[in-house]
N, C-alpha and C. Protein backbone atom coordinates (compact mmCIF):
# COMPACT_ATOMS: atom_id res chain seq x y z
N UNK A 1 151.34 81.43 210.77
CA UNK A 1 152.34 80.50 211.24
C UNK A 1 152.24 79.21 210.44
N UNK A 2 153.38 78.72 210.01
CA UNK A 2 153.43 77.45 209.28
C UNK A 2 153.54 76.29 210.26
N UNK A 3 152.87 75.22 209.94
CA UNK A 3 153.03 74.01 210.75
C UNK A 3 153.88 73.03 209.97
N UNK A 4 154.61 72.25 210.68
CA UNK A 4 155.49 71.27 210.06
C UNK A 4 154.73 69.97 209.93
N UNK A 5 154.78 69.37 208.77
CA UNK A 5 154.04 68.14 208.52
C UNK A 5 154.47 67.06 209.52
N UNK A 6 153.49 66.44 210.14
CA UNK A 6 153.76 65.41 211.16
C UNK A 6 154.59 64.26 210.60
N UNK A 7 154.28 63.83 209.38
CA UNK A 7 155.04 62.72 208.77
C UNK A 7 156.50 63.09 208.59
N UNK A 8 156.76 64.30 208.16
CA UNK A 8 158.14 64.75 207.96
C UNK A 8 158.88 64.82 209.30
N UNK A 9 158.20 65.31 210.32
CA UNK A 9 158.81 65.39 211.65
C UNK A 9 159.18 63.99 212.16
N UNK A 10 158.30 63.02 211.93
CA UNK A 10 158.60 61.64 212.32
C UNK A 10 159.80 61.10 211.54
N UNK A 11 159.87 61.38 210.26
CA UNK A 11 161.02 60.94 209.45
C UNK A 11 162.32 61.52 209.99
N UNK A 12 162.32 62.80 210.27
CA UNK A 12 163.53 63.45 210.77
C UNK A 12 163.92 62.90 212.13
N UNK A 13 162.93 62.74 212.99
CA UNK A 13 163.18 62.27 214.34
C UNK A 13 163.74 60.85 214.34
N UNK A 14 163.14 59.97 213.57
CA UNK A 14 163.63 58.59 213.54
C UNK A 14 164.99 58.50 212.87
N UNK A 15 165.25 59.34 211.88
CA UNK A 15 166.55 59.36 211.22
C UNK A 15 167.65 59.70 212.21
N UNK A 16 167.46 60.77 212.97
CA UNK A 16 168.46 61.19 213.95
C UNK A 16 168.58 60.15 215.07
N UNK A 17 167.46 59.64 215.53
CA UNK A 17 167.49 58.64 216.60
C UNK A 17 168.23 57.39 216.14
N UNK A 18 168.01 56.97 214.92
CA UNK A 18 168.67 55.77 214.38
C UNK A 18 170.19 55.94 214.33
N UNK A 19 170.64 57.08 213.82
CA UNK A 19 172.07 57.27 213.63
C UNK A 19 172.81 57.72 214.88
N UNK A 20 172.18 58.54 215.71
CA UNK A 20 172.88 59.10 216.86
C UNK A 20 172.41 58.52 218.20
N UNK A 21 171.33 57.76 218.15
CA UNK A 21 170.78 57.14 219.37
C UNK A 21 170.40 58.18 220.42
N UNK A 22 169.93 59.32 219.95
CA UNK A 22 169.47 60.37 220.86
C UNK A 22 168.05 60.06 221.28
N UNK A 23 167.67 60.46 222.50
CA UNK A 23 166.28 60.28 222.94
C UNK A 23 165.32 61.15 222.11
N UNK A 24 164.12 60.66 221.98
CA UNK A 24 163.07 61.34 221.23
C UNK A 24 162.90 62.79 221.68
N UNK A 25 162.81 63.02 222.98
CA UNK A 25 162.59 64.38 223.50
C UNK A 25 163.75 65.31 223.14
N UNK A 26 164.95 64.80 223.17
CA UNK A 26 166.11 65.62 222.83
C UNK A 26 166.03 66.09 221.38
N UNK A 27 165.64 65.19 220.51
CA UNK A 27 165.54 65.53 219.08
C UNK A 27 164.42 66.54 218.85
N UNK A 28 163.28 66.32 219.51
CA UNK A 28 162.16 67.25 219.34
C UNK A 28 162.44 68.62 219.93
N UNK A 29 163.33 68.68 220.92
CA UNK A 29 163.67 69.97 221.51
C UNK A 29 164.54 70.83 220.60
N UNK A 30 165.13 70.23 219.58
CA UNK A 30 165.94 71.01 218.63
C UNK A 30 165.03 71.91 217.80
N UNK A 31 165.49 73.11 217.57
CA UNK A 31 164.80 73.99 216.63
C UNK A 31 164.94 73.37 215.24
N UNK A 32 163.97 73.63 214.38
CA UNK A 32 163.99 73.01 213.05
C UNK A 32 165.32 73.24 212.31
N UNK A 33 165.85 74.47 212.29
CA UNK A 33 167.12 74.65 211.57
C UNK A 33 168.26 73.80 212.16
N UNK A 34 168.27 73.65 213.46
CA UNK A 34 169.30 72.83 214.09
C UNK A 34 169.12 71.35 213.75
N UNK A 35 167.88 70.89 213.77
CA UNK A 35 167.59 69.49 213.42
C UNK A 35 167.95 69.23 211.96
N UNK A 36 167.63 70.19 211.10
CA UNK A 36 167.97 70.05 209.69
C UNK A 36 169.48 70.00 209.49
N UNK A 37 170.23 70.77 210.27
CA UNK A 37 171.69 70.76 210.17
C UNK A 37 172.25 69.42 210.62
N UNK A 38 171.72 68.87 211.70
CA UNK A 38 172.16 67.56 212.18
C UNK A 38 171.92 66.52 211.09
N UNK A 39 170.76 66.55 210.47
CA UNK A 39 170.42 65.61 209.40
C UNK A 39 171.38 65.78 208.22
N UNK A 40 171.67 67.02 207.87
CA UNK A 40 172.61 67.29 206.78
C UNK A 40 173.99 66.71 207.09
N UNK A 41 174.45 66.90 208.32
CA UNK A 41 175.77 66.40 208.70
C UNK A 41 175.81 64.87 208.71
N UNK A 42 174.74 64.24 209.16
CA UNK A 42 174.66 62.77 209.11
C UNK A 42 174.75 62.31 207.66
N UNK A 43 174.05 63.01 206.76
CA UNK A 43 174.11 62.68 205.34
C UNK A 43 175.51 62.80 204.78
N UNK A 44 176.24 63.83 205.19
CA UNK A 44 177.62 63.99 204.74
C UNK A 44 178.50 62.83 205.21
N UNK A 45 178.32 62.45 206.46
CA UNK A 45 179.08 61.32 207.01
C UNK A 45 178.77 60.05 206.23
N UNK A 46 177.50 59.80 205.97
CA UNK A 46 177.11 58.60 205.22
C UNK A 46 177.67 58.61 203.80
N UNK A 47 177.67 59.77 203.16
CA UNK A 47 178.22 59.87 201.82
C UNK A 47 179.72 59.58 201.83
N UNK A 48 180.41 60.15 202.79
CA UNK A 48 181.85 59.93 202.91
C UNK A 48 182.16 58.45 203.15
N UNK A 49 181.40 57.84 204.05
CA UNK A 49 181.63 56.42 204.34
C UNK A 49 181.34 55.54 203.13
N UNK A 50 180.30 55.87 202.38
CA UNK A 50 179.99 55.05 201.21
C UNK A 50 181.03 55.24 200.11
N UNK A 51 181.62 56.41 200.00
CA UNK A 51 182.69 56.63 199.04
C UNK A 51 183.94 55.87 199.45
N UNK A 52 184.22 55.86 200.72
CA UNK A 52 185.38 55.13 201.22
C UNK A 52 185.24 53.62 201.00
N UNK A 53 184.01 53.11 201.04
CA UNK A 53 183.76 51.69 200.81
C UNK A 53 184.04 51.28 199.36
N UNK A 54 184.00 52.25 198.45
CA UNK A 54 184.21 51.94 197.03
C UNK A 54 185.67 51.62 196.71
N UNK A 55 186.58 51.92 197.59
CA UNK A 55 188.02 51.69 197.32
C UNK A 55 188.44 50.33 197.71
């Protein structure tokens, strides 16, 4: 069984909490693939917003 690096888990958790204001327990309850998808979608939103700011 692979363990997930604690530092990486903290990075992911604080990233989601910062952008979505979700409680810590809610974020930790997500399966890793689901948490990774949420992070990916936040990244897409940020990219879109930063592109829109360039106009």
